[in-house]
Amino acid sequence: MDWPWCSLWAREHTPDELRAILSPWPVERPADWARHVEEPLTRRELEKVEASLKRGGPLGDEAWTSRTVRKRGLEHTVRPEGRPSKPDQPRKATGAGKPGRSKGPQAKRPGRA
């Protein structure tokens, strides 16, 4: 364990009086916790962590994430980004190449200075 600033290191390497200031775990700590912490994340786990950080969503297994999203009103953190597409409707023309339409922000409207 090369991280002397983390609580795992403190629990395993510091005197009892320093360990006493650490909060107890809310659940039973796994016996192989130190080994688990040292294991690198899989590609999928890393993608999930990055998505959670990017979108501000909960990070956990699917069931817990779904419950937490509903309970905390975090639906915006798990649905696809951007405006949803309209089902079964053709895309509207963008106006490109039509007379009288702007071709960019620098173009001026007729009759305007």
PDB file of N, CA and C in Angstrom:
ATOM      1  N   MET A   1       0.861  -1.176   0.000  1.00  0.00           N
ATOM      2  CA  MET A   1       0.000   0.000   0.000  1.00  0.00           C
ATOM      3  C   MET A   1       0.897   1.225   0.000  1.00  0.00           C
ATOM      4  N   ASP A   2       0.843   1.988  -1.086  1.00  0.00           N
ATOM      5  CA  ASP A   2       1.704   3.155  -1.246  1.00  0.00           C
ATOM      6  C   ASP A   2       0.987   4.478  -0.988  1.00  0.00           C
ATOM      7  N   TRP A   3      -0.148   4.468  -0.345  1.00  0.00           N
ATOM      8  CA  TRP A   3      -0.919   5.693  -0.164  1.00  0.00           C
ATOM      9  C   TRP A   3      -1.041   6.023   1.315  1.00  0.00           C
ATOM     10  N   PRO A   4      -0.068   6.667   1.920  1.00  0.00           N
ATOM     11  CA  PRO A   4      -0.092   6.928   3.362  1.00  0.00           C
ATOM     12  C   PRO A   4      -1.160   7.928   3.790  1.00  0.00           C
ATOM     13  N   TRP A   5      -1.844   8.583   2.860  1.00  0.00           N
ATOM     14  CA  TRP A   5      -2.878   9.549   3.204  1.00  0.00           C
ATOM     15  C   TRP A   5      -4.285   8.925   3.228  1.00  0.00           C
ATOM     16  N   CYS A   6      -4.418   7.664   2.878  1.00  0.00           N
ATOM     17  CA  CYS A   6      -5.752   7.062   2.823  1.00  0.00           C
ATOM     18  C   CYS A   6      -6.082   6.338   4.130  1.00  0.00           C
ATOM     19  N   SER A   7      -7.371   6.129   4.346  1.00  0.00           N
ATOM     20  CA  SER A   7      -7.809   5.501   5.595  1.00  0.00           C
ATOM     21  C   SER A   7      -7.395   4.029   5.670  1.00  0.00           C
ATOM     22  N   LEU A   8      -7.293   3.344   4.538  1.00  0.00           N
ATOM     23  CA  LEU A   8      -6.857   1.943   4.576  1.00  0.00           C
ATOM     24  C   LEU A   8      -5.434   1.855   5.132  1.00  0.00           C
ATOM     25  N   TRP A   9      -4.547   2.704   4.648  1.00  0.00           N
ATOM     26  CA  TRP A   9      -3.178   2.728   5.150  1.00  0.00           C
ATOM     27  C   TRP A   9      -3.178   3.064   6.644  1.00  0.00           C
ATOM     28  N   ALA A  10      -3.984   4.061   7.016  1.00  0.00           N
ATOM     29  CA  ALA A  10      -4.043   4.460   8.423  1.00  0.00           C
ATOM     30  C   ALA A  10      -4.554   3.316   9.303  1.00  0.00           C
ATOM     31  N   ARG A  11      -5.541   2.578   8.828  1.00  0.00           N
ATOM     32  CA  ARG A  11      -6.077   1.459   9.616  1.00  0.00           C
ATOM     33  C   ARG A  11      -5.049   0.348   9.801  1.00  0.00           C
ATOM     34  N   GLU A  12      -4.160   0.189   8.830  1.00  0.00           N
ATOM     35  CA  GLU A  12      -3.200  -0.915   8.889  1.00  0.00           C
ATOM     36  C   GLU A  12      -1.833  -0.528   9.441  1.00  0.00           C
ATOM     37  N   HIS A  13      -1.466   0.757   9.441  1.00  0.00           N
ATOM     38  CA  HIS A  13      -0.087   1.141   9.764  1.00  0.00           C
ATOM     39  C   HIS A  13       0.063   2.181  10.863  1.00  0.00           C
ATOM     40  N   THR A  14      -0.986   2.713  11.421  1.00  0.00           N
ATOM     41  CA  THR A  14      -0.834   3.768  12.422  1.00  0.00           C
ATOM     42  C   THR A  14      -1.191   3.249  13.812  1.00  0.00           C
ATOM     43  N   PRO A  15      -0.778   3.974  14.847  1.00  0.00           N
ATOM     44  CA  PRO A  15      -1.111   3.578  16.218  1.00  0.00           C
ATOM     45  C   PRO A  15      -2.618   3.625  16.463  1.00  0.00           C
ATOM     46  N   ASP A  16      -3.041   2.914  17.484  1.00  0.00           N
ATOM     47  CA  ASP A  16      -4.468   2.821  17.820  1.00  0.00           C
ATOM     48  C   ASP A  16      -5.121   4.188  18.003  1.00  0.00           C
ATOM     49  N   GLU A  17      -4.419   5.139  18.602  1.00  0.00           N
ATOM     50  CA  GLU A  17      -5.039   6.453  18.854  1.00  0.00           C
ATOM     51  C   GLU A  17      -5.353   7.191  17.552  1.00  0.00           C
ATOM     52  N   LEU A  18      -4.557   6.976  16.523  1.00  0.00           N
ATOM     53  CA  LEU A  18      -4.895   7.580  15.229  1.00  0.00           C
ATOM     54  C   LEU A  18      -6.033   6.830  14.544  1.00  0.00           C
ATOM     55  N   ARG A  19      -6.057   5.535  14.666  1.00  0.00           N
ATOM     56  CA  ARG A  19      -7.154   4.745  14.080  1.00  0.00           C
ATOM     57  C   ARG A  19      -8.486   5.073  14.739  1.00  0.00           C
ATOM     58  N   ALA A  20      -8.423   5.487  15.998  1.00  0.00           N
ATOM     59  CA  ALA A  20      -9.653   5.777  16.745  1.00  0.00           C
ATOM     60  C   ALA A  20     -10.419   6.963  16.159  1.00  0.00           C
ATOM     61  N   ILE A  21      -9.744   7.852  15.445  1.00  0.00           N
ATOM     62  CA  ILE A  21     -10.449   9.011  14.890  1.00  0.00           C
ATOM     63  C   ILE A  21     -11.153   8.691  13.569  1.00  0.00           C
ATOM     64  N   LEU A  22     -10.877   7.532  12.999  1.00  0.00           N
ATOM     65  CA  LEU A  22     -11.552   7.130  11.763  1.00  0.00           C
ATOM     66  C   LEU A  22     -12.969   6.665  12.066  1.00  0.00           C
ATOM     67  N   SER A  23     -13.894   7.042  11.215  1.00  0.00           N
ATOM     68  CA  SER A  23     -15.287   6.607  11.394  1.00  0.00           C
ATOM     69  C   SER A  23     -15.387   5.116  11.118  1.00  0.00           C
ATOM     70  N   PRO A  24     -16.268   4.442  11.849  1.00  0.00           N
ATOM     71  CA  PRO A  24     -16.471   3.016  11.554  1.00  0.00           C
ATOM     72  C   PRO A  24     -17.197   2.850  10.228  1.00  0.00           C
ATOM     73  N   TRP A  25     -16.984   1.711   9.622  1.00  0.00           N
ATOM     74  CA  TRP A  25     -17.679   1.408   8.380  1.00  0.00           C
ATOM     75  C   TRP A  25     -19.174   1.229   8.672  1.00  0.00           C
ATOM     76  N   PRO A  26     -20.048   1.621   7.734  1.00  0.00           N
ATOM     77  CA  PRO A  26     -21.494   1.422   7.948  1.00  0.00           C
ATOM     78  C   PRO A  26     -21.923  -0.032   7.707  1.00  0.00           C
ATOM     79  N   VAL A  27     -21.044  -0.825   7.107  1.00  0.00           N
ATOM     80  CA  VAL A  27     -21.293  -2.248   6.849  1.00  0.00           C
ATOM     81  C   VAL A  27     -20.036  -3.013   7.243  1.00  0.00           C
ATOM     82  N   GLU A  28     -20.139  -4.318   7.288  1.00  0.00           N
ATOM     83  CA  GLU A  28     -18.977  -5.152   7.596  1.00  0.00           C
ATOM     84  C   GLU A  28     -17.924  -5.013   6.492  1.00  0.00           C
ATOM     85  N   ARG A  29     -16.686  -4.709   6.864  1.00  0.00           N
ATOM     86  CA  ARG A  29     -15.615  -4.567   5.887  1.00  0.00           C
ATOM     87  C   ARG A  29     -15.166  -5.947   5.429  1.00  0.00           C
ATOM     88  N   PRO A  30     -15.034  -6.150   4.109  1.00  0.00           N
ATOM     89  CA  PRO A  30     -14.570  -7.455   3.614  1.00  0.00           C
ATOM     90  C   PRO A  30     -13.176  -7.786   4.156  1.00  0.00           C
ATOM     91  N   ALA A  31     -12.943  -9.057   4.426  1.00  0.00           N
ATOM     92  CA  ALA A  31     -11.656  -9.499   4.968  1.00  0.00           C
ATOM     93  C   ALA A  31     -10.521  -9.218   3.980  1.00  0.00           C
ATOM     94  N   ASP A  32     -10.802  -9.277   2.683  1.00  0.00           N
ATOM     95  CA  ASP A  32      -9.764  -9.063   1.665  1.00  0.00           C
ATOM     96  C   ASP A  32      -9.784  -7.636   1.107  1.00  0.00           C
ATOM     97  N   TRP A  33     -10.200  -6.680   1.916  1.00  0.00           N
ATOM     98  CA  TRP A  33     -10.370  -5.310   1.449  1.00  0.00           C
ATOM     99  C   TRP A  33      -9.065  -4.726   0.892  1.00  0.00           C
ATOM    100  N   ALA A  34      -7.944  -4.925   1.566  1.00  0.00           N
ATOM    101  CA  ALA A  34      -6.672  -4.369   1.095  1.00  0.00           C
ATOM    102  C   ALA A  34      -6.329  -4.910  -0.297  1.00  0.00           C
ATOM    103  N   ARG A  35      -6.531  -6.196  -0.518  1.00  0.00           N
ATOM    104  CA  ARG A  35      -6.262  -6.778  -1.834  1.00  0.00           C
ATOM    105  C   ARG A  35      -7.203  -6.191  -2.879  1.00  0.00           C
ATOM    106  N   HIS A  36      -8.463  -6.033  -2.511  1.00  0.00           N
ATOM    107  CA  HIS A  36      -9.459  -5.473  -3.427  1.00  0.00           C
ATOM    108  C   HIS A  36      -9.090  -4.039  -3.833  1.00  0.00           C
ATOM    109  N   VAL A  37      -8.637  -3.240  -2.887  1.00  0.00           N
ATOM    110  CA  VAL A  37      -8.265  -1.851  -3.172  1.00  0.00           C
ATOM    111  C   VAL A  37      -7.080  -1.788  -4.133  1.00  0.00           C
ATOM    112  N   GLU A  38      -6.159  -2.703  -4.022  1.00  0.00           N
ATOM    113  CA  GLU A  38      -4.963  -2.715  -4.860  1.00  0.00           C
ATOM    114  C   GLU A  38      -5.220  -3.208  -6.289  1.00  0.00           C
ATOM    115  N   GLU A  39      -6.333  -3.898  -6.530  1.00  0.00           N
ATOM    116  CA  GLU A  39      -6.635  -4.401  -7.872  1.00  0.00           C
ATOM    117  C   GLU A  39      -6.968  -3.249  -8.811  1.00  0.00           C
ATOM    118  N   PRO A  40      -6.400  -3.235 -10.013  1.00  0.00           N
ATOM    119  CA  PRO A  40      -6.761  -2.177 -10.966  1.00  0.00           C
ATOM    120  C   PRO A  40      -8.203  -2.364 -11.446  1.00  0.00           C
ATOM    121  N   LEU A  41      -8.812  -1.262 -11.825  1.00  0.00           N
ATOM    122  CA  LEU A  41     -10.166  -1.320 -12.362  1.00  0.00           C
ATOM    123  C   LEU A  41     -10.148  -1.951 -13.747  1.00  0.00           C
ATOM    124  N   THR A  42     -11.231  -2.651 -14.077  1.00  0.00           N
ATOM    125  CA  THR A  42     -11.381  -3.146 -15.443  1.00  0.00           C
ATOM    126  C   THR A  42     -11.745  -1.957 -16.334  1.00  0.00           C
ATOM    127  N   ARG A  43     -11.658  -2.149 -17.625  1.00  0.00           N
ATOM    128  CA  ARG A  43     -12.023  -1.082 -18.567  1.00  0.00           C
ATOM    129  C   ARG A  43     -13.473  -0.649 -18.341  1.00  0.00           C
ATOM    130  N   ARG A  44     -14.369  -1.617 -18.159  1.00  0.00           N
ATOM    131  CA  ARG A  44     -15.792  -1.299 -17.949  1.00  0.00           C
ATOM    132  C   ARG A  44     -16.003  -0.528 -16.646  1.00  0.00           C
ATOM    133  N   GLU A  45     -15.313  -0.938 -15.578  1.00  0.00           N
ATOM    134  CA  GLU A  45     -15.430  -0.224 -14.301  1.00  0.00           C
ATOM    135  C   GLU A  45     -14.940   1.213 -14.436  1.00  0.00           C
ATOM    136  N   LEU A  46     -13.833   1.394 -15.128  1.00  0.00           N
ATOM    137  CA  LEU A  46     -13.287   2.726 -15.336  1.00  0.00           C
ATOM    138  C   LEU A  46     -14.255   3.590 -16.148  1.00  0.00           C
ATOM    139  N   GLU A  47     -14.874   3.027 -17.168  1.00  0.00           N
ATOM    140  CA  GLU A  47     -15.856   3.771 -17.969  1.00  0.00           C
ATOM    141  C   GLU A  47     -17.032   4.207 -17.107  1.00  0.00           C
ATOM    142  N   LYS A  48     -17.487   3.331 -16.206  1.00  0.00           N
ATOM    143  CA  LYS A  48     -18.602   3.672 -15.325  1.00  0.00           C
ATOM    144  C   LYS A  48     -18.231   4.796 -14.355  1.00  0.00           C
ATOM    145  N   VAL A  49     -17.018   4.751 -13.818  1.00  0.00           N
ATOM    146  CA  VAL A  49     -16.550   5.809 -12.920  1.00  0.00           C
ATOM    147  C   VAL A  49     -16.479   7.132 -13.673  1.00  0.00           C
ATOM    148  N   GLU A  50     -15.903   7.119 -14.869  1.00  0.00           N
ATOM    149  CA  GLU A  50     -15.780   8.344 -15.659  1.00  0.00           C
ATOM    150  C   GLU A  50     -17.153   8.919 -16.024  1.00  0.00           C
ATOM    151  N   ALA A  51     -18.098   8.057 -16.389  1.00  0.00           N
ATOM    152  CA  ALA A  51     -19.443   8.526 -16.732  1.00  0.00           C
ATOM    153  C   ALA A  51     -20.120   9.132 -15.506  1.00  0.00           C
ATOM    154  N   SER A  52     -19.944   8.507 -14.367  1.00  0.00           N
ATOM    155  CA  SER A  52     -20.525   9.027 -13.133  1.00  0.00           C
ATOM    156  C   SER A  52     -19.957  10.401 -12.798  1.00  0.00           C
ATOM    157  N   LEU A  53     -18.649  10.552 -12.929  1.00  0.00           N
ATOM    158  CA  LEU A  53     -18.018  11.838 -12.651  1.00  0.00           C
ATOM    159  C   LEU A  53     -18.448  12.905 -13.649  1.00  0.00           C
ATOM    160  N   LYS A  54     -18.516  12.539 -14.915  1.00  0.00           N
ATOM    161  CA  LYS A  54     -18.866  13.493 -15.965  1.00  0.00           C
ATOM    162  C   LYS A  54     -20.305  13.993 -15.815  1.00  0.00           C
ATOM    163  N   ARG A  55     -21.217  13.088 -15.520  1.00  0.00           N
ATOM    164  CA  ARG A  55     -22.641  13.441 -15.478  1.00  0.00           C
ATOM    165  C   ARG A  55     -23.158  13.723 -14.078  1.00  0.00           C
ATOM    166  N   GLY A  56     -22.343  13.431 -13.040  1.00  0.00           N
ATOM    167  CA  GLY A  56     -22.791  13.677 -11.669  1.00  0.00           C
ATOM    168  C   GLY A  56     -23.804  12.658 -11.183  1.00  0.00           C
ATOM    169  N   GLY A  57     -23.780  11.472 -11.764  1.00  0.00           N
ATOM    170  CA  GLY A  57     -24.741  10.434 -11.394  1.00  0.00           C
ATOM    171  C   GLY A  57     -24.201   9.486 -10.349  1.00  0.00           C
ATOM    172  N   PRO A  58     -25.072   8.688  -9.793  1.00  0.00           N
ATOM    173  CA  PRO A  58     -24.646   7.712  -8.792  1.00  0.00           C
ATOM    174  C   PRO A  58     -23.788   6.612  -9.408  1.00  0.00           C
ATOM    175  N   LEU A  59     -22.943   6.020  -8.591  1.00  0.00           N
ATOM    176  CA  LEU A  59     -22.059   4.957  -9.044  1.00  0.00           C
ATOM    177  C   LEU A  59     -22.294   3.738  -8.177  1.00  0.00           C
ATOM    178  N   GLY A  60     -22.729   2.649  -8.793  1.00  0.00           N
ATOM    179  CA  GLY A  60     -22.984   1.417  -8.061  1.00  0.00           C
ATOM    180  C   GLY A  60     -23.538   0.377  -9.017  1.00  0.00           C
ATOM    181  N   ASP A  61     -24.008  -0.734  -8.440  1.00  0.00           N
ATOM    182  CA  ASP A  61     -24.594  -1.750  -9.310  1.00  0.00           C
ATOM    183  C   ASP A  61     -25.908  -1.232  -9.884  1.00  0.00           C
ATOM    184  N   GLU A  62     -26.419  -1.917 -10.907  1.00  0.00           N
ATOM    185  CA  GLU A  62     -27.601  -1.423 -11.626  1.00  0.00           C
ATOM    186  C   GLU A  62     -28.814  -1.216 -10.744  1.00  0.00           C
ATOM    187  N   ALA A  63     -29.101  -2.174  -9.859  1.00  0.00           N
ATOM    188  CA  ALA A  63     -30.284  -2.059  -9.000  1.00  0.00           C
ATOM    189  C   ALA A  63     -30.166  -0.853  -8.073  1.00  0.00           C
ATOM    190  N   TRP A  64     -29.009  -0.687  -7.436  1.00  0.00           N
ATOM    191  CA  TRP A  64     -28.820   0.431  -6.515  1.00  0.00           C
ATOM    192  C   TRP A  64     -28.871   1.749  -7.266  1.00  0.00           C
ATOM    193  N   THR A  65     -28.222   1.811  -8.436  1.00  0.00           N
ATOM    194  CA  THR A  65     -28.223   3.037  -9.227  1.00  0.00           C
ATOM    195  C   THR A  65     -29.647   3.416  -9.619  1.00  0.00           C
ATOM    196  N   SER A  66     -30.441   2.459 -10.080  1.00  0.00           N
ATOM    197  CA  SER A  66     -31.831   2.739 -10.484  1.00  0.00           C
ATOM    198  C   SER A  66     -32.646   3.273  -9.309  1.00  0.00           C
ATOM    199  N   ARG A  67     -32.513   2.645  -8.153  1.00  0.00           N
ATOM    200  CA  ARG A  67     -33.247   3.118  -6.960  1.00  0.00           C
ATOM    201  C   ARG A  67     -32.815   4.536  -6.585  1.00  0.00           C
ATOM    202  N   THR A  68     -31.520   4.777  -6.610  1.00  0.00           N
ATOM    203  CA  THR A  68     -30.998   6.076  -6.211  1.00  0.00           C
ATOM    204  C   THR A  68     -31.409   7.163  -7.192  1.00  0.00           C
ATOM    205  N   VAL A  69     -31.381   6.864  -8.477  1.00  0.00           N
ATOM    206  CA  VAL A  69     -31.810   7.820  -9.494  1.00  0.00           C
ATOM    207  C   VAL A  69     -33.261   8.232  -9.252  1.00  0.00           C
ATOM    208  N   ARG A  70     -34.136   7.262  -9.031  1.00  0.00           N
ATOM    209  CA  ARG A  70     -35.552   7.568  -8.788  1.00  0.00           C
ATOM    210  C   ARG A  70     -35.738   8.324  -7.477  1.00  0.00           C
ATOM    211  N   LYS A  71     -35.103   7.871  -6.431  1.00  0.00           N
ATOM    212  CA  LYS A  71     -35.261   8.458  -5.097  1.00  0.00           C
ATOM    213  C   LYS A  71     -34.754   9.895  -5.043  1.00  0.00           C
ATOM    214  N   ARG A  72     -33.665  10.190  -5.743  1.00  0.00           N
ATOM    215  CA  ARG A  72     -33.029  11.508  -5.671  1.00  0.00           C
ATOM    216  C   ARG A  72     -33.342  12.416  -6.859  1.00  0.00           C
ATOM    217  N   GLY A  73     -34.159  11.937  -7.802  1.00  0.00           N
ATOM    218  CA  GLY A  73     -34.513  12.760  -8.965  1.00  0.00           C
ATOM    219  C   GLY A  73     -33.323  13.026  -9.875  1.00  0.00           C
ATOM    220  N   LEU A  74     -32.519  12.004 -10.124  1.00  0.00           N
ATOM    221  CA  LEU A  74     -31.298  12.149 -10.919  1.00  0.00           C
ATOM    222  C   LEU A  74     -31.430  11.568 -12.324  1.00  0.00           C
ATOM    223  N   GLU A  75     -32.635  11.520 -12.847  1.00  0.00           N
ATOM    224  CA  GLU A  75     -32.852  10.925 -14.160  1.00  0.00           C
ATOM    225  C   GLU A  75     -31.993  11.577 -15.238  1.00  0.00           C
ATOM    226  N   HIS A  76     -31.744  12.874 -15.103  1.00  0.00           N
ATOM    227  CA  HIS A  76     -30.945  13.586 -16.105  1.00  0.00           C
ATOM    228  C   HIS A  76     -29.504  13.088 -16.154  1.00  0.00           C
ATOM    229  N   THR A  77     -29.042  12.403 -15.127  1.00  0.00           N
ATOM    230  CA  THR A  77     -27.654  11.931 -15.104  1.00  0.00           C
ATOM    231  C   THR A  77     -27.463  10.594 -15.806  1.00  0.00           C
ATOM    232  N   VAL A  78     -28.545   9.905 -16.142  1.00  0.00           N
ATOM    233  CA  VAL A  78     -28.416   8.579 -16.752  1.00  0.00           C
ATOM    234  C   VAL A  78     -29.014   8.474 -18.143  1.00  0.00           C
ATOM    235  N   ARG A  79     -29.832   9.431 -18.548  1.00  0.00           N
ATOM    236  CA  ARG A  79     -30.375   9.357 -19.901  1.00  0.00           C
ATOM    237  C   ARG A  79     -29.361   9.944 -20.881  1.00  0.00           C
ATOM    238  N   PRO A  80     -29.490   9.609 -22.155  1.00  0.00           N
ATOM    239  CA  PRO A  80     -28.530  10.112 -23.154  1.00  0.00           C
ATOM    240  C   PRO A  80     -28.504  11.638 -23.184  1.00  0.00           C
ATOM    241  N   GLU A  81     -27.320  12.187 -23.436  1.00  0.00           N
ATOM    242  CA  GLU A  81     -27.174  13.635 -23.513  1.00  0.00           C
ATOM    243  C   GLU A  81     -27.764  14.163 -24.806  1.00  0.00           C
ATOM    244  N   GLY A  82     -28.157  15.419 -24.789  1.00  0.00           N
ATOM    245  CA  GLY A  82     -28.666  16.066 -25.991  1.00  0.00           C
ATOM    246  C   GLY A  82     -30.172  15.989 -26.089  1.00  0.00           C
ATOM    247  N   ARG A  83     -30.676  16.648 -27.091  1.00  0.00           N
ATOM    248  CA  ARG A  83     -32.114  16.687 -27.331  1.00  0.00           C
ATOM    249  C   ARG A  83     -32.560  15.355 -27.922  1.00  0.00           C
ATOM    250  N   PRO A  84     -33.639  14.788 -27.378  1.00  0.00           N
ATOM    251  CA  PRO A  84     -34.103  13.515 -27.940  1.00  0.00           C
ATOM    252  C   PRO A  84     -34.632  13.698 -29.359  1.00  0.00           C
ATOM    253  N   SER A  85     -34.435  12.691 -30.199  1.00  0.00           N
ATOM    254  CA  SER A  85     -34.945  12.781 -31.558  1.00  0.00           C
ATOM    255  C   SER A  85     -36.435  12.470 -31.552  1.00  0.00           C
ATOM    256  N   LYS A  86     -37.140  13.061 -32.505  1.00  0.00           N
ATOM    257  CA  LYS A  86     -38.575  12.827 -32.628  1.00  0.00           C
ATOM    258  C   LYS A  86     -38.775  11.514 -33.360  1.00  0.00           C
ATOM    259  N   PRO A  87     -39.602  10.634 -32.834  1.00  0.00           N
ATOM    260  CA  PRO A  87     -39.796   9.328 -33.482  1.00  0.00           C
ATOM    261  C   PRO A  87     -40.547   9.454 -34.803  1.00  0.00           C
ATOM    262  N   ASP A  88     -40.078   8.726 -35.797  1.00  0.00           N
ATOM    263  CA  ASP A  88     -40.756   8.580 -37.088  1.00  0.00           C
ATOM    264  C   ASP A  88     -41.067   9.892 -37.789  1.00  0.00           C
ATOM    265  N   GLN A  89     -40.253  10.912 -37.626  1.00  0.00           N
ATOM    266  CA  GLN A  89     -40.453  12.155 -38.363  1.00  0.00           C
ATOM    267  C   GLN A  89     -39.188  12.443 -39.157  1.00  0.00           C
ATOM    268  N   PRO A  90     -39.360  12.815 -40.426  1.00  0.00           N
ATOM    269  CA  PRO A  90     -38.167  13.141 -41.223  1.00  0.00           C
ATOM    270  C   PRO A  90     -37.506  14.401 -40.678  1.00  0.00           C
ATOM    271  N   ARG A  91     -36.199  14.495 -40.890  1.00  0.00           N
ATOM    272  CA  ARG A  91     -35.463  15.680 -40.448  1.00  0.00           C
ATOM    273  C   ARG A  91     -35.905  16.880 -41.275  1.00  0.00           C
ATOM    274  N   LYS A  92     -35.982  18.028 -40.636  1.00  0.00           N
ATOM    275  CA  LYS A  92     -36.324  19.254 -41.344  1.00  0.00           C
ATOM    276  C   LYS A  92     -35.108  19.753 -42.099  1.00  0.00           C
ATOM    277  N   ALA A  93     -35.377  20.432 -43.206  1.00  0.00           N
ATOM    278  CA  ALA A  93     -34.282  21.030 -43.970  1.00  0.00           C
ATOM    279  C   ALA A  93     -33.638  22.124 -43.134  1.00  0.00           C
ATOM    280  N   THR A  94     -32.343  22.279 -43.268  1.00  0.00           N
ATOM    281  CA  THR A  94     -31.620  23.276 -42.485  1.00  0.00           C
ATOM    282  C   THR A  94     -31.673  24.654 -43.103  1.00  0.00           C
ATOM    283  N   GLY A  95     -32.095  24.777 -44.330  1.00  0.00           N
ATOM    284  CA  GLY A  95     -32.147  26.072 -44.988  1.00  0.00           C
ATOM    285  C   GLY A  95     -30.879  26.392 -45.745  1.00  0.00           C
ATOM    286  N   ALA A  96     -29.920  25.509 -45.688  1.00  0.00           N
ATOM    287  CA  ALA A  96     -28.658  25.758 -46.385  1.00  0.00           C
ATOM    288  C   ALA A  96     -28.910  25.841 -47.879  1.00  0.00           C
ATOM    289  N   GLY A  97     -28.377  26.852 -48.505  1.00  0.00           N
ATOM    290  CA  GLY A  97     -28.485  27.002 -49.950  1.00  0.00           C
ATOM    291  C   GLY A  97     -29.787  27.619 -50.418  1.00  0.00           C
ATOM    292  N   LYS A  98     -30.713  27.958 -49.538  1.00  0.00           N
ATOM    293  CA  LYS A  98     -31.966  28.580 -49.949  1.00  0.00           C
ATOM    294  C   LYS A  98     -31.783  30.100 -49.986  1.00  0.00           C
ATOM    295  N   PRO A  99     -32.396  30.768 -50.967  1.00  0.00           N
ATOM    296  CA  PRO A  99     -32.263  32.228 -51.049  1.00  0.00           C
ATOM    297  C   PRO A  99     -32.826  32.902 -49.803  1.00  0.00           C
ATOM    298  N   GLY A 100     -32.124  33.958 -49.339  1.00  0.00           N
ATOM    299  CA  GLY A 100     -32.618  34.717 -48.199  1.00  0.00           C
ATOM    300  C   GLY A 100     -32.278  34.120 -46.846  1.00  0.00           C
ATOM    301  N   ARG A 101     -31.670  32.956 -46.826  1.00  0.00           N
ATOM    302  CA  ARG A 101     -31.308  32.323 -45.558  1.00  0.00           C
ATOM    303  C   ARG A 101     -29.873  32.653 -45.198  1.00  0.00           C
ATOM    304  N   SER A 102     -29.616  32.808 -43.941  1.00  0.00           N
ATOM    305  CA  SER A 102     -28.268  33.086 -43.460  1.00  0.00           C
ATOM    306  C   SER A 102     -27.389  31.860 -43.643  1.00  0.00           C
ATOM    307  N   LYS A 103     -26.153  32.080 -44.033  1.00  0.00           N
ATOM    308  CA  LYS A 103     -25.207  30.982 -44.182  1.00  0.00           C
ATOM    309  C   LYS A 103     -24.218  30.959 -43.033  1.00  0.00           C
ATOM    310  N   GLY A 104     -24.455  31.713 -41.999  1.00  0.00           N
ATOM    311  CA  GLY A 104     -23.555  31.736 -40.857  1.00  0.00           C
ATOM    312  C   GLY A 104     -23.778  32.977 -40.023  1.00  0.00           C
ATOM    313  N   PRO A 105     -23.114  33.068 -38.908  1.00  0.00           N
ATOM    314  CA  PRO A 105     -23.337  34.191 -37.995  1.00  0.00           C
ATOM    315  C   PRO A 105     -22.880  35.528 -38.563  1.00  0.00           C
ATOM    316  N   GLN A 106     -21.970  35.539 -39.542  1.00  0.00           N
ATOM    317  CA  GLN A 106     -21.459  36.786 -40.080  1.00  0.00           C
ATOM    318  C   GLN A 106     -22.400  37.402 -41.123  1.00  0.00           C
ATOM    319  N   ALA A 107     -23.323  36.617 -41.661  1.00  0.00           N
ATOM    320  CA  ALA A 107     -24.228  37.127 -42.683  1.00  0.00           C
ATOM    321  C   ALA A 107     -25.237  38.075 -42.061  1.00  0.00           C
ATOM    322  N   LYS A 108     -25.623  39.130 -42.826  1.00  0.00           N
ATOM    323  CA  LYS A 108     -26.597  40.112 -42.331  1.00  0.00           C
ATOM    324  C   LYS A 108     -27.924  39.892 -43.030  1.00  0.00           C
ATOM    325  N   ARG A 109     -28.972  40.216 -42.336  1.00  0.00           N
ATOM    326  CA  ARG A 109     -30.297  40.123 -42.926  1.00  0.00           C
ATOM    327  C   ARG A 109     -30.497  41.279 -43.899  1.00  0.00           C
ATOM    328  N   PRO A 110     -31.279  41.059 -44.968  1.00  0.00           N
ATOM    329  CA  PRO A 110     -31.552  42.159 -45.907  1.00  0.00           C
ATOM    330  C   PRO A 110     -32.248  43.301 -45.187  1.00  0.00           C
ATOM    331  N   GLY A 111     -31.816  44.548 -45.477  1.00  0.00           N
ATOM    332  CA  GLY A 111     -32.457  45.713 -44.898  1.00  0.00           C
ATOM    333  C   GLY A 111     -31.926  46.081 -43.526  1.00  0.00           C
ATOM    334  N   ARG A 112     -30.965  45.363 -43.041  1.00  0.00           N
ATOM    335  CA  ARG A 112     -30.373  45.662 -41.720  1.00  0.00           C
ATOM    336  C   ARG A 112     -28.963  46.178 -41.904  1.00  0.00           C
ATOM    337  N   ALA A 113     -28.552  47.058 -41.047  1.00  0.00           N
ATOM    338  CA  ALA A 113     -27.194  47.604 -41.139  1.00  0.00           C
ATOM    339  C   ALA A 113     -26.186  46.709 -40.471  1.00  0.00           C
TER     340      ALA A 113
END
